[in-house]
């Protein structure tokens, strides 16, 4: 089984590298950044001139790109190369409605499609320990699970096409709200004379313990904004959640508050920094 990987960004490059390392057949790759393609080629992947070549040569086609419009563009390009012999897996975080539309186009060609967005960030991508939330039929899930296991260790089927993305958006929205609570209470603790390290230790002993704080408190204390997952990408995900909540006619005040913080960060021009840079927004660095 030959695997193709389209999209070698912050997450995609490490995900593809794990497939190259663990798969016992050819892995093709492509990206608009040819330097990234060359890096994967040095690891053992086969470089392709474009996405169409990846689709032509691969049995399983994986895509990992930032936005809905990127996924739509990829599938407009490769759809002529898709037939009943192909399995398509999009691991991007995009609007569920767009993913369902693409799934229908792929299925009309006789191929199979799954949405399989990931949770956790760059270190987990490097380690092959991502969480993967899958939307597809049960039979396809069993077929693709070994491929997904090259990249992740917690793989769960959430339902049919689009449901993996619904769960990913719910996950990221919850994390943004947890992040906001961490920002506010950590900053208050410091203003009252409690160090970030002691704050983290104390939280870890009680009901407020959370994965985000455990992984990020030291970066926050050291003001390290190096990007593993950008503020602008999380802002995009919150926008998707807003559209889902409107579709469901369901008010989400916690989402609205998180969006206000992220909007201020975008307006301040720090969208390319890591999403934990919202800490600076809550601290008041960008107040007029």
C-alpha atoms as a PDB file:
ATOM      1  CA  UNK A   1       0.000   0.000   0.000  1.00  0.00           C
ATOM      2  CA  UNK A   2       1.499   3.277  -1.145  1.00  0.00           C
ATOM      3  CA  UNK A   3       0.760   6.377   0.933  1.00  0.00           C
ATOM      4  CA  UNK A   4       0.783   9.980  -0.249  1.00  0.00           C
ATOM      5  CA  UNK A   5       1.041  12.991   2.071  1.00  0.00           C
ATOM      6  CA  UNK A   6       0.059  16.529   1.031  1.00  0.00           C
ATOM      7  CA  UNK A   7       0.973  19.409   3.349  1.00  0.00           C
ATOM      8  CA  UNK A   8       4.274  19.515   5.244  1.00  0.00           C
ATOM      9  CA  UNK A   9       3.674  22.359   7.675  1.00  0.00           C
ATOM     10  CA  UNK A  10       4.404  22.486  11.414  1.00  0.00           C
ATOM     11  CA  UNK A  11       2.371  19.350  12.084  1.00  0.00           C
ATOM     12  CA  UNK A  12       2.375  17.686   8.667  1.00  0.00           C
ATOM     13  CA  UNK A  13       6.139  17.386   8.340  1.00  0.00           C
ATOM     14  CA  UNK A  14       6.424  15.340  11.561  1.00  0.00           C
ATOM     15  CA  UNK A  15       3.329  13.284  10.785  1.00  0.00           C
ATOM     16  CA  UNK A  16       4.725  12.407   7.360  1.00  0.00           C
ATOM     17  CA  UNK A  17       8.142  11.665   8.853  1.00  0.00           C
ATOM     18  CA  UNK A  18       6.567   9.092  11.169  1.00  0.00           C
ATOM     19  CA  UNK A  19       4.844   7.389   8.249  1.00  0.00           C
ATOM     20  CA  UNK A  20       8.146   7.258   6.344  1.00  0.00           C
ATOM     21  CA  UNK A  21       9.857   5.788   9.380  1.00  0.00           C
ATOM     22  CA  UNK A  22       7.228   3.132  10.139  1.00  0.00           C
ATOM     23  CA  UNK A  23       5.597   2.187   6.820  1.00  0.00           C
ATOM     24  CA  UNK A  24       7.048  -0.663   4.782  1.00  0.00           C
ATOM     25  CA  UNK A  25       6.128   0.714   1.352  1.00  0.00           C
ATOM     26  CA  UNK A  26       6.605   3.928  -0.633  1.00  0.00           C
ATOM     27  CA  UNK A  27       5.540   7.266   0.847  1.00  0.00           C
ATOM     28  CA  UNK A  28       5.021  10.140  -1.610  1.00  0.00           C
ATOM     29  CA  UNK A  29       4.851  13.779  -0.534  1.00  0.00           C
ATOM     30  CA  UNK A  30       4.228  17.285  -1.826  1.00  0.00           C
ATOM     31  CA  UNK A  31       4.039  20.840  -0.499  1.00  0.00           C
ATOM     32  CA  UNK A  32       4.246  24.352  -1.907  1.00  0.00           C
ATOM     33  CA  UNK A  33       7.389  24.746   0.221  1.00  0.00           C
ATOM     34  CA  UNK A  34       9.894  22.708  -1.782  1.00  0.00           C
ATOM     35  CA  UNK A  35      12.469  22.909   1.015  1.00  0.00           C
ATOM     36  CA  UNK A  36      10.113  20.863   3.201  1.00  0.00           C
ATOM     37  CA  UNK A  37       9.689  18.332   0.412  1.00  0.00           C
ATOM     38  CA  UNK A  38      13.475  18.029   0.197  1.00  0.00           C
ATOM     39  CA  UNK A  39      13.688  17.417   3.955  1.00  0.00           C
ATOM     40  CA  UNK A  40      11.189  14.553   3.755  1.00  0.00           C
ATOM     41  CA  UNK A  41      12.945  13.202   0.682  1.00  0.00           C
ATOM     42  CA  UNK A  42      16.155  13.057   2.744  1.00  0.00           C
ATOM     43  CA  UNK A  43      14.259  10.894   5.278  1.00  0.00           C
ATOM     44  CA  UNK A  44      13.175   8.447   2.584  1.00  0.00           C
ATOM     45  CA  UNK A  45       9.982   9.859   1.088  1.00  0.00           C
ATOM     46  CA  UNK A  46       9.560  10.216  -2.667  1.00  0.00           C
ATOM     47  CA  UNK A  47       9.134  13.846  -3.730  1.00  0.00           C
ATOM     48  CA  UNK A  48       6.349  14.664  -6.164  1.00  0.00           C
ATOM     49  CA  UNK A  49       6.117  17.655  -8.461  1.00  0.00           C
ATOM     50  CA  UNK A  50       2.566  18.453  -7.366  1.00  0.00           C
ATOM     51  CA  UNK A  51      -0.486  17.140  -5.521  1.00  0.00           C
ATOM     52  CA  UNK A  52      -1.819  15.512  -8.662  1.00  0.00           C
ATOM     53  CA  UNK A  53       1.232  13.255  -8.879  1.00  0.00           C
ATOM     54  CA  UNK A  54       0.774  12.264  -5.232  1.00  0.00           C
ATOM     55  CA  UNK A  55      -2.836  11.301  -5.917  1.00  0.00           C
ATOM     56  CA  UNK A  56      -1.969   9.369  -9.065  1.00  0.00           C
ATOM     57  CA  UNK A  57       0.709   7.253  -7.390  1.00  0.00           C
ATOM     58  CA  UNK A  58      -0.829   6.642  -3.953  1.00  0.00           C
ATOM     59  CA  UNK A  59      -3.411   4.178  -2.668  1.00  0.00           C
ATOM     60  CA  UNK A  60      -4.043   6.261   0.447  1.00  0.00           C
ATOM     61  CA  UNK A  61      -3.954  10.072   0.087  1.00  0.00           C
ATOM     62  CA  UNK A  62      -3.508  12.103   3.290  1.00  0.00           C
ATOM     63  CA  UNK A  63      -3.843  15.887   3.409  1.00  0.00           C
ATOM     64  CA  UNK A  64      -2.901  18.216   6.282  1.00  0.00           C
ATOM     65  CA  UNK A  65      -3.349  21.917   5.486  1.00  0.00           C
ATOM     66  CA  UNK A  66      -4.484  24.994   7.459  1.00  0.00           C
ATOM     67  CA  UNK A  67      -7.899  26.048   6.135  1.00  0.00           C
ATOM     68  CA  UNK A  68     -11.087  24.987   4.372  1.00  0.00           C
ATOM     69  CA  UNK A  69     -10.117  26.815   1.196  1.00  0.00           C
ATOM     70  CA  UNK A  70      -6.830  24.893   1.053  1.00  0.00           C
ATOM     71  CA  UNK A  71      -8.602  21.544   1.317  1.00  0.00           C
ATOM     72  CA  UNK A  72     -11.082  22.559  -1.382  1.00  0.00           C
ATOM     73  CA  UNK A  73      -8.237  23.634  -3.671  1.00  0.00           C
ATOM     74  CA  UNK A  74      -6.376  20.347  -3.166  1.00  0.00           C
ATOM     75  CA  UNK A  75      -9.421  18.258  -4.006  1.00  0.00           C
ATOM     76  CA  UNK A  76     -10.284  20.373  -7.032  1.00  0.00           C
ATOM     77  CA  UNK A  77      -6.775  19.558  -8.250  1.00  0.00           C
ATOM     78  CA  UNK A  78      -6.690  15.849  -7.468  1.00  0.00           C
ATOM     79  CA  UNK A  79     -10.312  14.813  -8.046  1.00  0.00           C
ATOM     80  CA  UNK A  80      -9.635  13.814 -11.685  1.00  0.00           C
ATOM     81  CA  UNK A  81      -7.055  11.303 -10.349  1.00  0.00           C
ATOM     82  CA  UNK A  82      -9.398   9.682  -7.832  1.00  0.00           C
ATOM     83  CA  UNK A  83     -11.195   6.423  -8.501  1.00  0.00           C
ATOM     84  CA  UNK A  84     -12.525   3.424  -6.565  1.00  0.00           C
ATOM     85  CA  UNK A  85      -8.982   2.238  -5.746  1.00  0.00           C
ATOM     86  CA  UNK A  86      -8.255   5.301  -3.563  1.00  0.00           C
ATOM     87  CA  UNK A  87      -8.773   6.120   0.106  1.00  0.00           C
ATOM     88  CA  UNK A  88      -8.664   9.810   1.044  1.00  0.00           C
ATOM     89  CA  UNK A  89      -7.974  11.027   4.584  1.00  0.00           C
ATOM     90  CA  UNK A  90      -8.065  14.734   5.345  1.00  0.00           C
ATOM     91  CA  UNK A  91      -6.447  15.529   8.703  1.00  0.00           C
ATOM     92  CA  UNK A  92      -6.871  19.315   8.478  1.00  0.00           C
ATOM     93  CA  UNK A  93      -9.009  21.270  10.937  1.00  0.00           C
ATOM     94  CA  UNK A  94     -11.684  22.867   8.766  1.00  0.00           C
ATOM     95  CA  UNK A  95     -15.417  23.551   8.667  1.00  0.00           C
ATOM     96  CA  UNK A  96     -17.276  20.226   9.017  1.00  0.00           C
ATOM     97  CA  UNK A  97     -19.697  21.283   6.262  1.00  0.00           C
ATOM     98  CA  UNK A  98     -16.805  21.763   3.824  1.00  0.00           C
ATOM     99  CA  UNK A  99     -15.390  18.360   4.750  1.00  0.00           C
ATOM    100  CA  UNK A 100     -18.760  16.683   4.169  1.00  0.00           C
ATOM    101  CA  UNK A 101     -18.993  18.402   0.770  1.00  0.00           C
ATOM    102  CA  UNK A 102     -15.530  17.091  -0.172  1.00  0.00           C
ATOM    103  CA  UNK A 103     -16.454  13.626   1.101  1.00  0.00           C
ATOM    104  CA  UNK A 104     -19.477  13.585  -1.190  1.00  0.00           C
ATOM    105  CA  UNK A 105     -17.321  14.575  -4.177  1.00  0.00           C
ATOM    106  CA  UNK A 106     -14.806  11.825  -3.394  1.00  0.00           C
ATOM    107  CA  UNK A 107     -17.490   9.193  -2.881  1.00  0.00           C
ATOM    108  CA  UNK A 108     -19.098  10.155  -6.190  1.00  0.00           C
ATOM    109  CA  UNK A 109     -15.838   9.005  -7.803  1.00  0.00           C
ATOM    110  CA  UNK A 110     -16.157   5.616  -6.075  1.00  0.00           C
ATOM    111  CA  UNK A 111     -13.406   6.339  -3.524  1.00  0.00           C
ATOM    112  CA  UNK A 112     -13.591   6.440   0.279  1.00  0.00           C
ATOM    113  CA  UNK A 113     -13.120   9.470   2.548  1.00  0.00           C
ATOM    114  CA  UNK A 114     -12.442  10.145   6.217  1.00  0.00           C
ATOM    115  CA  UNK A 115     -11.931  13.341   8.169  1.00  0.00           C
ATOM    116  CA  UNK A 116      -9.301  12.718  10.862  1.00  0.00           C
ATOM    117  CA  UNK A 117      -8.204  15.925  12.614  1.00  0.00           C
ATOM    118  CA  UNK A 118      -5.608  15.698  15.357  1.00  0.00           C
ATOM    119  CA  UNK A 119      -5.301  16.962  18.920  1.00  0.00           C
ATOM    120  CA  UNK A 120      -2.122  17.916  20.807  1.00  0.00           C
ATOM    121  CA  UNK A 121       0.681  19.837  19.123  1.00  0.00           C
ATOM    122  CA  UNK A 122       4.183  19.626  17.666  1.00  0.00           C
ATOM    123  CA  UNK A 123       5.923  17.517  20.371  1.00  0.00           C
ATOM    124  CA  UNK A 124       3.210  14.856  20.078  1.00  0.00           C
ATOM    125  CA  UNK A 125       3.443  14.968  16.277  1.00  0.00           C
ATOM    126  CA  UNK A 126       7.185  14.332  16.512  1.00  0.00           C
ATOM    127  CA  UNK A 127       6.667  11.476  18.980  1.00  0.00           C
ATOM    128  CA  UNK A 128       3.833   9.916  16.966  1.00  0.00           C
ATOM    129  CA  UNK A 129       1.498  10.365  19.949  1.00  0.00           C
ATOM    130  CA  UNK A 130      -1.266  12.538  18.530  1.00  0.00           C
ATOM    131  CA  UNK A 131      -4.901  12.056  19.384  1.00  0.00           C
ATOM    132  CA  UNK A 132      -6.885  11.469  16.182  1.00  0.00           C
ATOM    133  CA  UNK A 133     -10.646  12.045  15.911  1.00  0.00           C
ATOM    134  CA  UNK A 134     -12.156  10.263  12.932  1.00  0.00           C
ATOM    135  CA  UNK A 135     -15.318  10.770  10.908  1.00  0.00           C
ATOM    136  CA  UNK A 136     -16.119   7.909   8.507  1.00  0.00           C
ATOM    137  CA  UNK A 137     -18.050   4.654   8.335  1.00  0.00           C
ATOM    138  CA  UNK A 138     -17.078   1.866  10.711  1.00  0.00           C
ATOM    139  CA  UNK A 139     -15.585  -0.405   8.043  1.00  0.00           C
ATOM    140  CA  UNK A 140     -13.303   2.293   6.637  1.00  0.00           C
ATOM    141  CA  UNK A 141     -12.199   3.185  10.162  1.00  0.00           C
ATOM    142  CA  UNK A 142     -10.848  -0.320  10.692  1.00  0.00           C
ATOM    143  CA  UNK A 143      -9.060  -0.170   7.329  1.00  0.00           C
ATOM    144  CA  UNK A 144      -7.282   3.141   7.987  1.00  0.00           C
ATOM    145  CA  UNK A 145      -6.593   2.714  11.693  1.00  0.00           C
ATOM    146  CA  UNK A 146      -3.158   1.097  11.141  1.00  0.00           C
ATOM    147  CA  UNK A 147      -2.126   4.051   8.959  1.00  0.00           C
ATOM    148  CA  UNK A 148      -3.345   6.555  11.542  1.00  0.00           C
ATOM    149  CA  UNK A 149      -1.453   4.614  14.216  1.00  0.00           C
ATOM    150  CA  UNK A 150       1.818   5.650  12.550  1.00  0.00           C
ATOM    151  CA  UNK A 151       0.994   9.189  13.707  1.00  0.00           C
ATOM    152  CA  UNK A 152      -1.078   8.788  16.861  1.00  0.00           C
ATOM    153  CA  UNK A 153      -1.770   6.571  19.841  1.00  0.00           C
ATOM    154  CA  UNK A 154      -5.297   7.661  20.788  1.00  0.00           C
ATOM    155  CA  UNK A 155      -7.543   7.101  17.782  1.00  0.00           C
ATOM    156  CA  UNK A 156     -11.315   7.256  18.116  1.00  0.00           C
ATOM    157  CA  UNK A 157     -14.176   7.140  15.615  1.00  0.00           C
ATOM    158  CA  UNK A 158     -16.673   9.901  16.416  1.00  0.00           C
ATOM    159  CA  UNK A 159     -19.262   8.973  13.769  1.00  0.00           C
ATOM    160  CA  UNK A 160     -19.800   9.527  10.071  1.00  0.00           C
ATOM    161  CA  UNK A 161     -18.142  12.139   7.817  1.00  0.00           C
ATOM    162  CA  UNK A 162     -17.748  15.487   9.555  1.00  0.00           C
ATOM    163  CA  UNK A 163     -18.093  14.189  13.112  1.00  0.00           C
ATOM    164  CA  UNK A 164     -14.345  13.991  13.707  1.00  0.00           C
ATOM    165  CA  UNK A 165     -14.183  17.695  12.895  1.00  0.00           C
ATOM    166  CA  UNK A 166     -17.152  18.564  15.091  1.00  0.00           C
ATOM    167  CA  UNK A 167     -15.342  16.938  18.004  1.00  0.00           C
ATOM    168  CA  UNK A 168     -12.031  18.635  17.151  1.00  0.00           C
ATOM    169  CA  UNK A 169     -13.698  22.051  17.164  1.00  0.00           C
ATOM    170  CA  UNK A 170     -15.389  21.293  20.497  1.00  0.00           C
ATOM    171  CA  UNK A 171     -12.015  20.172  21.870  1.00  0.00           C
ATOM    172  CA  UNK A 172     -10.161  23.303  20.750  1.00  0.00           C
ATOM    173  CA  UNK A 173     -12.908  25.598  21.986  1.00  0.00           C
ATOM    174  CA  UNK A 174     -12.840  23.973  25.411  1.00  0.00           C
ATOM    175  CA  UNK A 175      -9.056  24.304  25.510  1.00  0.00           C
ATOM    176  CA  UNK A 176      -9.279  28.015  24.640  1.00  0.00           C
ATOM    177  CA  UNK A 177     -11.653  28.504  27.557  1.00  0.00           C
ATOM    178  CA  UNK A 178      -9.350  26.549  29.896  1.00  0.00           C
ATOM    179  CA  UNK A 179      -6.457  28.644  28.594  1.00  0.00           C
ATOM    180  CA  UNK A 180      -8.309  31.843  29.397  1.00  0.00           C
ATOM    181  CA  UNK A 181      -8.953  30.633  32.941  1.00  0.00           C
ATOM    182  CA  UNK A 182      -5.262  29.773  33.333  1.00  0.00           C
ATOM    183  CA  UNK A 183      -4.240  33.200  32.015  1.00  0.00           C
ATOM    184  CA  UNK A 184      -6.541  35.079  34.372  1.00  0.00           C
ATOM    185  CA  UNK A 185      -5.851  33.131  37.572  1.00  0.00           C
ATOM    186  CA  UNK A 186      -2.098  32.769  36.993  1.00  0.00           C
ATOM    187  CA  UNK A 187      -1.794  36.512  36.447  1.00  0.00           C
ATOM    188  CA  UNK A 188      -3.891  37.250  39.537  1.00  0.00           C
ATOM    189  CA  UNK A 189      -1.735  34.884  41.600  1.00  0.00           C
ATOM    190  CA  UNK A 190       1.409  36.694  40.448  1.00  0.00           C
ATOM    191  CA  UNK A 191      -0.076  40.097  41.266  1.00  0.00           C
ATOM    192  CA  UNK A 192      -0.723  38.766  44.780  1.00  0.00           C
ATOM    193  CA  UNK A 193       2.860  37.488  45.138  1.00  0.00           C
ATOM    194  CA  UNK A 194       2.579  33.811  44.102  1.00  0.00           C
ATOM    195  CA  UNK A 195       5.210  32.551  41.641  1.00  0.00           C
ATOM    196  CA  UNK A 196       4.206  30.748  38.412  1.00  0.00           C
ATOM    197  CA  UNK A 197       5.942  27.582  39.629  1.00  0.00           C
ATOM    198  CA  UNK A 198       4.080  27.575  42.946  1.00  0.00           C
ATOM    199  CA  UNK A 199       0.835  28.374  41.131  1.00  0.00           C
ATOM    200  CA  UNK A 200       1.297  25.338  38.876  1.00  0.00           C
ATOM    201  CA  UNK A 201       2.202  23.043  41.770  1.00  0.00           C
ATOM    202  CA  UNK A 202      -0.816  24.139  43.790  1.00  0.00           C
ATOM    203  CA  UNK A 203      -3.218  23.725  40.844  1.00  0.00           C
ATOM    204  CA  UNK A 204      -1.806  20.254  40.153  1.00  0.00           C
ATOM    205  CA  UNK A 205      -2.933  19.119  43.624  1.00  0.00           C
ATOM    206  CA  UNK A 206      -6.589  19.990  43.070  1.00  0.00           C
ATOM    207  CA  UNK A 207      -9.568  19.922  40.766  1.00  0.00           C
ATOM    208  CA  UNK A 208      -8.148  22.660  38.551  1.00  0.00           C
ATOM    209  CA  UNK A 209      -5.305  20.450  37.256  1.00  0.00           C
ATOM    210  CA  UNK A 210      -5.266  20.473  33.458  1.00  0.00           C
ATOM    211  CA  UNK A 211      -3.131  19.368  30.513  1.00  0.00           C
ATOM    212  CA  UNK A 212      -2.751  22.890  29.121  1.00  0.00           C
ATOM    213  CA  UNK A 213      -1.256  24.309  32.321  1.00  0.00           C
ATOM    214  CA  UNK A 214       0.988  21.287  32.869  1.00  0.00           C
ATOM    215  CA  UNK A 215       2.477  21.721  29.409  1.00  0.00           C
ATOM    216  CA  UNK A 216       2.614  25.505  29.210  1.00  0.00           C
ATOM    217  CA  UNK A 217       3.225  27.085  32.624  1.00  0.00           C
ATOM    218  CA  UNK A 218       6.990  27.236  32.175  1.00  0.00           C
ATOM    219  CA  UNK A 219       6.691  28.784  28.699  1.00  0.00           C
ATOM    220  CA  UNK A 220       4.311  31.377  30.137  1.00  0.00           C
ATOM    221  CA  UNK A 221       6.647  32.127  33.041  1.00  0.00           C
ATOM    222  CA  UNK A 222       9.586  32.511  30.638  1.00  0.00           C
ATOM    223  CA  UNK A 223       7.506  34.448  28.084  1.00  0.00           C
ATOM    224  CA  UNK A 224       8.359  31.999  25.328  1.00  0.00           C
ATOM    225  CA  UNK A 225       6.008  32.642  22.414  1.00  0.00           C
ATOM    226  CA  UNK A 226       7.751  30.341  19.909  1.00  0.00           C
ATOM    227  CA  UNK A 227       5.022  28.916  17.697  1.00  0.00           C
ATOM    228  CA  UNK A 228       3.942  25.296  17.934  1.00  0.00           C
ATOM    229  CA  UNK A 229       0.276  26.155  17.259  1.00  0.00           C
ATOM    230  CA  UNK A 230      -0.466  29.698  16.218  1.00  0.00           C
ATOM    231  CA  UNK A 231      -2.903  32.140  17.757  1.00  0.00           C
ATOM    232  CA  UNK A 232      -4.386  32.768  14.302  1.00  0.00           C
ATOM    233  CA  UNK A 233      -5.090  29.064  13.765  1.00  0.00           C
ATOM    234  CA  UNK A 234      -6.940  28.820  17.071  1.00  0.00           C
ATOM    235  CA  UNK A 235      -8.860  31.997  16.192  1.00  0.00           C
ATOM    236  CA  UNK A 236      -9.887  30.257  12.960  1.00  0.00           C
ATOM    237  CA  UNK A 237     -11.131  27.235  14.954  1.00  0.00           C
ATOM    238  CA  UNK A 238     -13.131  29.448  17.312  1.00  0.00           C
ATOM    239  CA  UNK A 239     -14.747  31.018  14.241  1.00  0.00           C
ATOM    240  CA  UNK A 240     -15.791  27.558  13.064  1.00  0.00           C
ATOM    241  CA  UNK A 241     -17.255  26.867  16.509  1.00  0.00           C
ATOM    242  CA  UNK A 242     -19.191  30.122  16.331  1.00  0.00           C
ATOM    243  CA  UNK A 243     -20.744  29.015  13.049  1.00  0.00           C
ATOM    244  CA  UNK A 244     -21.607  25.595  14.506  1.00  0.00           C
ATOM    245  CA  UNK A 245     -23.252  27.208  17.543  1.00  0.00           C
ATOM    246  CA  UNK A 246     -25.311  29.448  15.258  1.00  0.00           C
ATOM    247  CA  UNK A 247     -26.287  26.426  13.174  1.00  0.00           C
ATOM    248  CA  UNK A 248     -27.423  24.663  16.363  1.00  0.00           C
ATOM    249  CA  UNK A 249     -29.128  27.846  17.679  1.00  0.00           C
ATOM    250  CA  UNK A 250     -27.109  27.442  20.878  1.00  0.00           C
ATOM    251  CA  UNK A 251     -25.573  30.303  22.855  1.00  0.00           C
ATOM    252  CA  UNK A 252     -21.993  29.820  24.133  1.00  0.00           C
ATOM    253  CA  UNK A 253     -20.926  32.738  26.369  1.00  0.00           C
ATOM    254  CA  UNK A 254     -17.579  31.080  27.174  1.00  0.00           C
ATOM    255  CA  UNK A 255     -16.825  30.890  23.461  1.00  0.00           C
ATOM    256  CA  UNK A 256     -17.731  34.560  23.037  1.00  0.00           C
ATOM    257  CA  UNK A 257     -15.321  35.566  25.804  1.00  0.00           C
ATOM    258  CA  UNK A 258     -12.491  33.496  24.325  1.00  0.00           C
ATOM    259  CA  UNK A 259     -13.147  35.028  20.900  1.00  0.00           C
ATOM    260  CA  UNK A 260     -12.863  38.535  22.357  1.00  0.00           C
ATOM    261  CA  UNK A 261      -9.404  37.698  23.713  1.00  0.00           C
ATOM    262  CA  UNK A 262      -8.294  36.145  20.432  1.00  0.00           C
ATOM    263  CA  UNK A 263      -9.718  39.032  18.397  1.00  0.00           C
ATOM    264  CA  UNK A 264      -7.662  41.453  20.470  1.00  0.00           C
ATOM    265  CA  UNK A 265      -4.555  39.344  19.801  1.00  0.00           C
ATOM    266  CA  UNK A 266      -5.274  39.374  16.068  1.00  0.00           C
ATOM    267  CA  UNK A 267      -5.820  43.127  16.124  1.00  0.00           C
ATOM    268  CA  UNK A 268      -2.498  43.523  17.963  1.00  0.00           C
ATOM    269  CA  UNK A 269      -0.678  41.695  15.150  1.00  0.00           C
ATOM    270  CA  UNK A 270       0.458  38.663  17.177  1.00  0.00           C
ATOM    271  CA  UNK A 271      -1.503  36.074  15.201  1.00  0.00           C
ATOM    272  CA  UNK A 272       1.667  34.273  14.086  1.00  0.00           C
ATOM    273  CA  UNK A 273       2.862  33.799  17.670  1.00  0.00           C
ATOM    274  CA  UNK A 274       1.958  30.706  19.672  1.00  0.00           C
ATOM    275  CA  UNK A 275      -1.614  30.598  20.949  1.00  0.00           C
ATOM    276  CA  UNK A 276      -0.377  30.892  24.523  1.00  0.00           C
ATOM    277  CA  UNK A 277       0.449  34.522  23.643  1.00  0.00           C
ATOM    278  CA  UNK A 278      -3.154  35.247  24.674  1.00  0.00           C
ATOM    279  CA  UNK A 279      -1.507  35.507  28.111  1.00  0.00           C
ATOM    280  CA  UNK A 280      -0.128  38.899  27.025  1.00  0.00           C
ATOM    281  CA  UNK A 281      -3.580  39.990  25.881  1.00  0.00           C
ATOM    282  CA  UNK A 282      -5.167  39.098  29.244  1.00  0.00           C
ATOM    283  CA  UNK A 283      -2.254  40.814  31.020  1.00  0.00           C
ATOM    284  CA  UNK A 284      -3.240  44.027  29.285  1.00  0.00           C
ATOM    285  CA  UNK A 285      -0.196  44.478  27.044  1.00  0.00           C
ATOM    286  CA  UNK A 286      -2.354  45.675  24.147  1.00  0.00           C
ATOM    287  CA  UNK A 287      -4.865  47.835  25.964  1.00  0.00           C
ATOM    288  CA  UNK A 288      -5.237  51.301  24.497  1.00  0.00           C
END
